[in-house]
Protein backbone atom coordinates (compact mmCIF):
# COMPACT_ATOMS: atom_id res chain seq x y z
CA UNK A 1 -19.71 -116.76 103.65
CA UNK A 2 -19.44 -118.93 100.48
CA UNK A 3 -21.67 -117.79 97.60
CA UNK A 4 -23.64 -121.04 97.58
CA UNK A 5 -24.52 -120.81 101.27
CA UNK A 6 -27.95 -119.35 102.21
CA UNK A 7 -27.90 -116.42 104.64
CA UNK A 8 -28.24 -117.31 108.30
CA UNK A 9 -31.77 -116.31 109.36
CA UNK A 10 -32.26 -113.87 112.18
CA UNK A 11 -33.31 -115.71 115.31
CA UNK A 12 -36.45 -114.47 117.03
CA UNK A 13 -37.17 -114.91 120.70
CA UNK A 14 -40.02 -117.06 121.95
CA UNK A 15 -41.80 -113.99 123.35
CA UNK A 16 -41.49 -112.11 120.05
CA UNK A 17 -43.09 -114.93 118.08
CA UNK A 18 -45.85 -115.44 120.64
CA UNK A 19 -46.64 -111.73 120.56
CA UNK A 20 -46.67 -111.51 116.77
CA UNK A 21 -48.99 -114.49 116.44
CA UNK A 22 -51.34 -113.05 119.07
CA UNK A 23 -51.50 -109.72 117.20
CA UNK A 24 -52.41 -111.53 113.98
CA UNK A 25 -55.23 -113.73 115.25
CA UNK A 26 -58.79 -112.56 114.63
CA UNK A 27 -61.23 -114.47 116.84
CA UNK A 28 -64.22 -116.18 115.25
CA UNK A 29 -67.67 -114.66 115.80
CA UNK A 30 -70.06 -117.44 114.71
CA UNK A 31 -72.16 -118.73 117.60
CA UNK A 32 -74.76 -121.38 118.31
CA UNK A 33 -77.06 -122.30 121.15
CA UNK A 34 -76.13 -125.40 123.05
CA UNK A 35 -77.82 -127.33 125.85
CA UNK A 36 -75.88 -127.44 129.10
CA UNK A 37 -75.34 -131.19 128.81
CA UNK A 38 -73.66 -130.66 125.44
CA UNK A 39 -71.71 -127.52 126.40
CA UNK A 40 -68.77 -129.06 128.27
CA UNK A 41 -65.47 -127.57 127.02
CA UNK A 42 -67.23 -125.05 124.78
CA UNK A 43 -66.46 -121.31 124.87
CA UNK A 44 -69.16 -118.99 126.23
CA UNK A 45 -70.11 -116.44 123.55
CA UNK A 46 -71.68 -113.79 125.78
CA UNK A 47 -71.63 -112.39 129.29
CA UNK A 48 -74.25 -114.38 131.18
CA UNK A 49 -76.24 -112.09 133.49
CA UNK A 50 -77.75 -113.70 136.58
CA UNK A 51 -81.58 -113.46 136.34
CA UNK A 52 -81.99 -114.35 140.01
CA UNK A 53 -80.13 -114.30 143.30
CA UNK A 54 -78.30 -117.46 144.34
CA UNK A 55 -79.39 -118.43 146.90
CA UNK A 56 -82.78 -116.89 146.12
CA UNK A 57 -83.64 -116.67 149.84
CA UNK A 58 -81.88 -116.82 153.22
CA UNK A 59 -81.48 -120.49 154.12
CA UNK A 60 -79.89 -122.69 156.72
CA UNK A 61 -76.38 -124.03 156.19
CA UNK A 62 -76.85 -126.69 158.89
CA UNK A 63 -79.36 -129.04 160.42
CA UNK A 64 -80.30 -127.56 163.78
CA UNK A 65 -82.49 -124.86 165.36
CA UNK A 66 -83.35 -121.36 164.13
CA UNK A 67 -84.20 -118.41 166.40
CA UNK A 68 -83.54 -114.71 167.05
CA UNK A 69 -80.19 -114.06 168.73
CA UNK A 70 -81.62 -111.05 170.57
CA UNK A 71 -83.75 -113.43 172.62
CA UNK A 72 -80.66 -114.95 174.20
CA UNK A 73 -79.20 -113.67 177.46
CA UNK A 74 -76.52 -115.64 179.31
CA UNK A 75 -78.79 -118.66 179.42
CA UNK A 76 -82.22 -119.04 177.91
CA UNK A 77 -84.86 -121.67 177.37
CA UNK A 78 -86.62 -121.45 174.01
CA UNK A 79 -89.87 -123.14 173.11
CA UNK A 80 -89.70 -125.26 169.93
CA UNK A 81 -92.86 -124.36 168.02
CA UNK A 82 -92.42 -126.06 164.64
CA UNK A 83 -90.12 -127.14 161.83
CA UNK A 84 -88.77 -125.79 158.55
CA UNK A 85 -87.69 -128.30 155.91
CA UNK A 86 -86.00 -127.78 152.55
CA UNK A 87 -88.82 -126.93 150.18
CA UNK A 88 -91.36 -126.77 153.05
CA UNK A 89 -90.91 -123.42 154.89
CA UNK A 90 -92.25 -122.44 158.30
CA UNK A 91 -94.55 -119.53 157.42
CA UNK A 92 -95.40 -118.16 160.88
CA UNK A 93 -93.35 -115.30 162.38
CA UNK A 94 -91.68 -116.35 165.62
CA UNK A 95 -92.21 -114.38 168.78
CA UNK A 96 -89.70 -113.78 171.56
CA UNK A 97 -88.58 -116.96 173.26
CA UNK A 98 -89.46 -119.28 170.35
CA UNK A 99 -87.34 -121.48 168.06
CA UNK A 100 -87.95 -124.01 165.28
CA UNK A 101 -86.21 -127.14 164.07
CA UNK A 102 -84.60 -126.51 160.66
CA UNK A 103 -82.82 -128.60 158.03
CA UNK A 104 -80.02 -127.68 155.64
CA UNK A 105 -81.35 -125.60 152.76
CA UNK A 106 -84.62 -124.70 154.49
CA UNK A 107 -85.80 -121.09 154.31
CA UNK A 108 -85.00 -118.96 157.37
CA UNK A 109 -88.30 -117.77 158.91
CA UNK A 110 -89.04 -114.10 159.57
CA UNK A 111 -87.33 -112.67 162.66
CA UNK A 112 -84.78 -115.51 162.86
CA UNK A 113 -81.13 -114.54 162.42
CA UNK A 114 -79.20 -117.50 163.82
CA UNK A 115 -78.95 -121.28 163.50
CA UNK A 116 -77.54 -123.54 166.19
CA UNK A 117 -76.17 -126.81 164.75
CA UNK A 118 -77.91 -129.97 165.90
CA UNK A 119 -74.75 -131.36 167.51
CA UNK A 120 -74.39 -128.28 169.76
CA UNK A 121 -77.98 -128.18 170.93
CA UNK A 122 -79.12 -129.18 174.42
CA UNK A 123 -82.75 -130.20 174.75
CA UNK A 124 -84.52 -129.95 178.11
CA UNK A 125 -87.50 -131.73 176.57
CA UNK A 126 -88.79 -132.49 173.09
CA UNK A 127 -90.23 -128.98 172.83
CA UNK A 128 -87.73 -126.89 174.87
CA UNK A 129 -84.22 -125.83 173.84
CA UNK A 130 -81.54 -124.80 176.34
CA UNK A 131 -79.20 -122.14 174.85
CA UNK A 132 -75.99 -120.61 176.16
CA UNK A 133 -75.12 -117.09 174.94
CA UNK A 134 -71.50 -117.99 174.13
CA UNK A 135 -72.73 -120.44 171.46
CA UNK A 136 -74.85 -117.87 169.67
CA UNK A 137 -74.12 -114.97 167.32
CA UNK A 138 -76.24 -113.17 164.77
CA UNK A 139 -75.99 -114.56 161.23
CA UNK A 140 -74.29 -117.83 162.15
CA UNK A 141 -74.84 -120.79 159.79
CA UNK A 142 -77.12 -118.82 157.48
CA UNK A 143 -76.55 -118.60 153.72
CA UNK A 144 -77.74 -115.13 152.72
CA UNK A 145 -79.80 -114.35 149.66
CA UNK A 146 -77.45 -113.56 146.74
CA UNK A 147 -74.22 -114.36 148.60
CA UNK A 148 -73.16 -116.71 145.78
CA UNK A 149 -74.44 -114.73 142.79
CA UNK A 150 -76.42 -111.51 142.98
CA UNK A 151 -79.19 -110.78 140.51
CA UNK A 152 -77.95 -108.60 137.62
CA UNK A 153 -74.27 -109.48 138.05
CA UNK A 154 -72.13 -111.30 135.48
CA UNK A 155 -72.22 -114.97 136.38
CA UNK A 156 -70.08 -116.25 133.48
CA UNK A 157 -67.87 -113.97 131.40
CA UNK A 158 -67.72 -114.12 127.62
CA UNK A 159 -64.74 -116.20 126.54
CA UNK A 160 -64.91 -118.60 129.47
CA UNK A 161 -64.29 -122.27 128.71
CA UNK A 162 -67.24 -124.06 130.26
CA UNK A 163 -66.27 -126.75 132.74
CA UNK A 164 -68.36 -128.73 135.24
CA UNK A 165 -68.44 -125.86 137.77
CA UNK A 166 -69.56 -123.28 135.19
CA UNK A 167 -72.27 -125.57 133.85
CA UNK A 168 -73.51 -126.28 137.38
CA UNK A 169 -73.62 -122.55 138.10
CA UNK A 170 -75.65 -121.94 134.95
CA UNK A 171 -78.08 -124.66 135.98
CA UNK A 172 -78.42 -123.05 139.43
CA UNK A 173 -79.52 -119.86 137.67
CA UNK A 174 -82.23 -121.68 135.74
CA UNK A 175 -80.50 -121.90 132.35
CA UNK A 176 -81.01 -125.01 130.22
CA UNK A 177 -79.02 -123.75 127.21
CA UNK A 178 -76.26 -121.27 126.51
CA UNK A 179 -74.82 -119.39 123.52
CA UNK A 180 -71.34 -120.63 122.67
CA UNK A 181 -68.87 -119.99 119.89
CA UNK A 182 -68.92 -122.56 117.13
CA UNK A 183 -66.10 -125.07 117.64
CA UNK A 184 -63.00 -124.65 115.56
CA UNK A 185 -62.32 -126.98 112.67
CA UNK A 186 -58.63 -127.65 112.08
CA UNK A 187 -57.01 -129.70 109.33
CA UNK A 188 -53.79 -131.61 109.92
CA UNK A 189 -51.42 -133.48 107.65
CA UNK A 190 -47.85 -134.70 107.57
CA UNK A 191 -45.44 -134.48 104.67
CA UNK A 192 -42.59 -136.76 103.73
CA UNK A 193 -42.02 -139.63 101.33
CA UNK A 194 -40.44 -141.54 104.22
CA UNK A 195 -43.63 -141.57 106.29
CA UNK A 196 -46.08 -144.43 106.60
CA UNK A 197 -49.34 -144.59 108.51
CA UNK A 198 -49.57 -147.07 111.38
CA UNK A 199 -53.02 -147.97 110.04
CA UNK A 200 -53.48 -150.52 107.30
CA UNK A 201 -50.53 -152.74 108.11
CA UNK A 202 -47.90 -150.62 106.37
CA UNK A 203 -44.50 -152.05 107.22
CA UNK A 204 -41.51 -149.83 107.90
CA UNK A 205 -37.86 -150.58 108.35
CA UNK A 206 -34.34 -150.08 107.13
CA UNK A 207 -34.91 -151.82 103.79
CA UNK A 208 -37.29 -149.13 102.54
CA UNK A 209 -36.00 -146.33 104.82
CA UNK A 210 -39.47 -145.51 106.08
CA UNK A 211 -40.87 -144.62 109.51
CA UNK A 212 -44.31 -144.53 111.10
CA UNK A 213 -45.96 -141.12 111.28
CA UNK A 214 -46.66 -140.24 114.91
CA UNK A 215 -47.18 -136.50 114.51
CA UNK A 216 -50.72 -136.61 113.15
CA UNK A 217 -51.87 -138.85 115.99
CA UNK A 218 -50.23 -136.55 118.54
CA UNK A 219 -51.71 -133.43 116.94
CA UNK A 220 -55.16 -135.04 116.73
CA UNK A 221 -55.05 -135.81 120.46
CA UNK A 222 -53.81 -132.34 121.45
CA UNK A 223 -56.48 -130.66 119.34
CA UNK A 224 -59.23 -132.93 120.66
CA UNK A 225 -58.32 -131.90 124.21
CA UNK A 226 -59.31 -128.36 123.19
CA UNK A 227 -62.70 -129.47 121.85
CA UNK A 228 -61.63 -128.87 118.24
CA UNK A 229 -63.05 -130.77 115.28
CA UNK A 230 -60.10 -132.37 113.49
CA UNK A 231 -59.92 -132.99 109.74
CA UNK A 232 -57.14 -135.51 109.10
CA UNK A 233 -55.75 -135.13 105.56
CA UNK A 234 -53.29 -137.97 106.07
CA UNK A 235 -49.74 -138.10 104.74
CA UNK A 236 -49.01 -135.99 101.68
CA UNK A 237 -46.01 -136.70 99.47
CA UNK A 238 -43.15 -134.30 98.86
CA UNK A 239 -44.78 -133.03 95.69
CA UNK A 240 -45.58 -129.30 95.42
CA UNK A 241 -48.70 -129.54 93.26
CA UNK A 242 -50.37 -132.11 95.51
CA UNK A 243 -49.49 -130.07 98.58
CA UNK A 244 -50.90 -126.88 97.09
CA UNK A 245 -54.11 -128.57 95.92
CA UNK A 246 -54.72 -130.11 99.36
CA UNK A 247 -54.04 -126.84 101.15
CA UNK A 248 -56.18 -124.68 98.87
CA UNK A 249 -59.10 -127.11 99.07
CA UNK A 250 -59.01 -127.52 102.86
CA UNK A 251 -58.41 -123.80 103.53
CA UNK A 252 -61.96 -123.04 102.37
CA UNK A 253 -63.47 -125.39 104.93
CA UNK A 254 -61.43 -125.03 108.13
CA UNK A 255 -60.26 -122.35 110.55
CA UNK A 256 -56.64 -123.47 110.64
CA UNK A 257 -54.25 -125.93 109.02
CA UNK A 258 -51.38 -127.50 110.92
CA UNK A 259 -48.57 -129.32 109.17
CA UNK A 260 -45.50 -131.04 110.53
CA UNK A 261 -42.25 -131.07 108.62
CA UNK A 262 -41.11 -129.25 105.51
CA UNK A 263 -40.60 -125.74 106.90
CA UNK A 264 -36.88 -125.86 107.62
CA UNK A 265 -35.90 -125.11 104.02
CA UNK A 266 -34.22 -128.36 102.99
CA UNK A 267 -33.93 -129.34 99.33
CA UNK A 268 -37.01 -131.59 99.58
CA UNK A 269 -38.99 -129.30 101.89
CA UNK A 270 -41.74 -128.04 99.60
CA UNK A 271 -44.21 -126.99 102.29
CA UNK A 272 -42.41 -123.67 102.69
CA UNK A 273 -42.67 -122.69 99.02
CA UNK A 274 -46.30 -123.81 98.82
CA UNK A 275 -47.15 -121.81 101.95
CA UNK A 276 -45.60 -118.73 100.35
CA UNK A 277 -48.01 -118.97 97.40
CA UNK A 278 -51.07 -119.44 99.60
CA UNK A 279 -50.94 -116.49 101.96
CA UNK A 280 -48.99 -113.99 104.01
CA UNK A 281 -46.96 -116.61 105.81
CA UNK A 282 -43.96 -115.81 108.00
CA UNK A 283 -41.10 -118.27 108.31
CA UNK A 284 -39.25 -117.89 111.56
CA UNK A 285 -36.17 -119.37 113.11
CA UNK A 286 -36.79 -119.18 116.83
CA UNK A 287 -34.03 -119.03 119.39
CA UNK A 288 -35.21 -122.15 121.19
CA UNK A 289 -34.71 -125.86 121.57
CA UNK A 290 -36.48 -127.97 120.51
CA UNK A 291 -38.50 -126.46 117.68
CA UNK A 292 -36.45 -123.78 115.94
CA UNK A 293 -38.33 -123.55 112.58
CA UNK A 294 -41.94 -122.33 112.57
CA UNK A 295 -44.25 -120.99 109.87
CA UNK A 296 -47.38 -118.96 110.54
CA UNK A 297 -49.77 -116.74 108.65
CA UNK A 298 -53.25 -116.28 107.14
CA UNK A 299 -54.21 -117.79 103.79
CA UNK A 300 -55.92 -116.11 100.87
CA UNK A 301 -59.19 -118.03 100.61
CA UNK A 302 -60.77 -118.67 97.22
CA UNK A 303 -64.38 -118.76 98.45
CA UNK A 304 -64.60 -115.08 99.48
CA UNK A 305 -64.84 -115.97 103.17
CA UNK A 306 -64.25 -112.95 105.38
CA UNK A 307 -62.38 -114.80 108.09
CA UNK A 308 -58.93 -116.14 107.15
CA UNK A 309 -57.66 -119.64 107.61
CA UNK A 310 -54.41 -119.69 109.55
CA UNK A 311 -51.48 -121.87 108.58
CA UNK A 312 -49.14 -123.32 111.18
CA UNK A 313 -46.08 -125.10 109.87
CA UNK A 314 -44.40 -127.05 112.66
CA UNK A 315 -41.06 -128.86 112.69
CA UNK A 316 -40.98 -132.54 111.84
CA UNK A 317 -39.39 -134.01 114.96
CA UNK A 318 -42.05 -135.40 117.35
CA UNK A 319 -41.03 -133.56 120.54
CA UNK A 320 -40.51 -130.33 118.60
CA UNK A 321 -44.07 -130.71 117.29
CA UNK A 322 -45.45 -130.98 120.83
CA UNK A 323 -43.39 -128.11 122.23
CA UNK A 324 -44.25 -125.84 119.29
CA UNK A 325 -47.92 -126.72 119.63
CA UNK A 326 -48.13 -126.06 123.36
CA UNK A 327 -46.27 -122.77 123.39
CA UNK A 328 -47.32 -121.26 120.04
CA UNK A 329 -50.27 -123.03 118.41
CA UNK A 330 -52.35 -123.82 121.50
CA UNK A 331 -52.63 -120.21 122.75
CA UNK A 332 -53.30 -119.03 119.19
CA UNK A 333 -56.16 -121.51 118.76
CA UNK A 334 -57.60 -120.58 122.14
CA UNK A 335 -57.57 -116.93 121.04
CA UNK A 336 -59.07 -117.87 117.67
CA UNK A 337 -61.86 -119.80 119.41
CA UNK A 338 -62.78 -116.72 121.46
CA UNK A 339 -61.41 -118.03 124.74
CA UNK A 340 -60.03 -115.73 127.41
CA UNK A 341 -57.15 -118.09 128.04
CA UNK A 342 -54.37 -117.49 130.53
CA UNK A 343 -50.80 -118.68 130.26
CA UNK A 344 -50.01 -122.05 131.86
CA UNK A 345 -49.17 -121.75 135.54
CA UNK A 346 -45.45 -121.81 136.26
CA UNK A 347 -44.22 -123.15 139.57
CA UNK A 348 -40.72 -123.31 141.02
CA UNK A 349 -38.79 -126.49 141.69
CA UNK A 350 -35.24 -127.24 142.81
CA UNK A 351 -32.93 -128.93 140.32
CA UNK A 352 -31.99 -132.35 141.67
CA UNK A 353 -28.84 -132.45 139.52
CA UNK A 354 -26.89 -130.30 137.05
CA UNK A 355 -28.85 -129.58 133.86
CA UNK A 356 -26.92 -128.77 130.70
CA UNK A 357 -28.15 -125.57 129.05
CA UNK A 358 -26.75 -123.34 126.32
CA UNK A 359 -26.44 -119.69 127.39
CA UNK A 360 -28.29 -117.37 125.01
CA UNK A 361 -30.91 -119.91 123.91
CA UNK A 362 -34.34 -120.66 125.39
CA UNK A 363 -34.83 -124.34 126.12
CA UNK A 364 -37.89 -126.42 126.95
CA UNK A 365 -36.63 -129.57 128.59
CA UNK A 366 -38.73 -132.53 129.70
CA UNK A 367 -38.61 -133.21 133.40
CA UNK A 368 -40.09 -135.16 136.26
CA UNK A 369 -41.29 -133.08 139.22
CA UNK A 370 -41.87 -134.59 142.67
CA UNK A 371 -41.80 -133.82 146.40
CA UNK A 372 -38.79 -134.95 148.38
CA UNK A 373 -38.88 -136.27 151.95
CA UNK A 374 -38.92 -132.71 153.28
CA UNK A 375 -41.93 -131.80 151.15
CA UNK A 376 -39.90 -129.59 148.80
CA UNK A 377 -40.60 -129.68 145.04
CA UNK A 378 -37.65 -131.09 143.10
CA UNK A 379 -37.23 -131.72 139.39
CA UNK A 380 -34.96 -133.93 137.34
CA UNK A 381 -34.49 -134.45 133.61
CA UNK A 382 -36.70 -137.17 132.12
CA UNK A 383 -34.68 -139.10 129.58
CA UNK A 384 -32.74 -138.02 126.52
CA UNK A 385 -33.59 -134.46 125.45
CA UNK A 386 -33.27 -135.00 121.69
CA UNK A 387 -36.16 -133.51 119.70
CA UNK A 388 -36.86 -136.89 118.15
CA UNK A 389 -37.03 -138.82 121.45
CA UNK A 390 -40.80 -138.99 121.92
CA UNK A 391 -40.49 -141.54 124.74
CA UNK A 392 -39.05 -138.76 126.93
CA UNK A 393 -42.49 -137.10 126.91
CA UNK A 394 -44.07 -140.24 128.34
CA UNK A 395 -41.51 -140.30 131.16
CA UNK A 396 -42.03 -136.63 132.05
CA UNK A 397 -44.76 -134.82 133.97
CA UNK A 398 -43.52 -131.28 133.39
CA UNK A 399 -41.62 -128.94 131.13
CA UNK A 400 -38.60 -127.01 132.39
CA UNK A 401 -38.83 -123.42 131.13
CA UNK A 402 -35.23 -122.27 130.76
CA UNK A 403 -34.91 -118.71 129.39
CA UNK A 404 -32.13 -117.41 127.19
CA UNK A 405 -30.15 -115.70 129.95
CA UNK A 406 -29.65 -118.92 131.94
CA UNK A 407 -26.41 -120.93 131.57
CA UNK A 408 -26.07 -124.53 132.72
CA UNK A 409 -28.20 -125.04 135.82
CA UNK A 410 -26.45 -126.35 138.89
CA UNK A 411 -27.96 -128.79 141.35
CA UNK A 412 -29.87 -126.92 144.04
CA UNK A 413 -30.87 -124.01 141.78
CA UNK A 414 -34.54 -123.03 141.60
CA UNK A 415 -36.02 -123.16 138.10
CA UNK A 416 -39.46 -122.49 136.57
CA UNK A 417 -41.57 -125.52 135.64
CA UNK A 418 -44.91 -125.98 133.88
CA UNK A 419 -46.74 -129.15 134.87
CA UNK A 420 -48.21 -131.21 132.04
CA UNK A 421 -51.48 -131.51 133.98
CA UNK A 422 -53.51 -128.61 132.66
CA UNK A 423 -51.22 -128.16 129.67
CA UNK A 424 -51.19 -131.51 127.87
């Protein structure tokens, strides 16, 4: 190798980098109380113990008639002696040969163990019910006390991201507020003298060799999907002192900083050298496409804060930014926020055509997944796969996960796919 050539960095696998980041992340501990109506997408900060049973009493799952199944022989006439409505129970204990009208959600009276749906009932008169034994079994159409949640059990686990179902469950237990982890605050900025913001009427073109910055807008949207407060530091020039000042100042006020561009080691890439002065930052070349360069590590804060601020240096190309975010930054931020996150669900789809792939390199290709006429999931490539072709992401609905040991994929092969729904 010529003396003026830098050494070729050792390539790390995707799994190695994901594992090393996960080992380095220390989850936040600060919490706050939040009303249920304001808790959507927040992370539960404690195991929530059910204070009551849900349901809190045996109740009817149907509109119909309640009675004791032991009263029924092959055919039996039961006297209808009253009604039980939701919120208005029938308080008298039934005797043999009696039944009551009952509505959905009404409390099951003492001695009753069965409900016959209204549509299956045969009335001899307004106060006599004709029952056939084959239609009756003990426990039918009754929701038992505690069958949803039993008193004393864990209703919501610590680290759960609270969605509509979780919030509804909490309300059913009588909670009006919940302890959650404080939301993350993440700063973002782009670097590059060639970048211009799309705000303010800045014109770009070939005469001044400038381009619009899309990465900050993309990062802002991806972070907002996670319920993260975003601090947009704008576009910073390729000037080391300004970069270092901005990073040191923001590091004292946020949980993480995400940059795009400047970590590949080019002659004008100053982000890497500034990162090295700020903290214990690793600079990796990952055996993947798109998104080979990545920087990560904790900063040394100047305000004596116990919890570090984490730096993420992403590549500059737009698609590489998104891929790096989804497969490295997103799980790290979920861990940092205290979330018990699981990896995105992978499904299998059949390649509709040959898909070029370099053996020995992991690739994340944009694809379009659909069902063919036979109901089988198929996938095809969505547009040009260049790391700067952002339009390909708008044409895709999934990511093809192609590991290192795969060569070019032939039409008809089954390959793993992660759908954007639930990821993006």
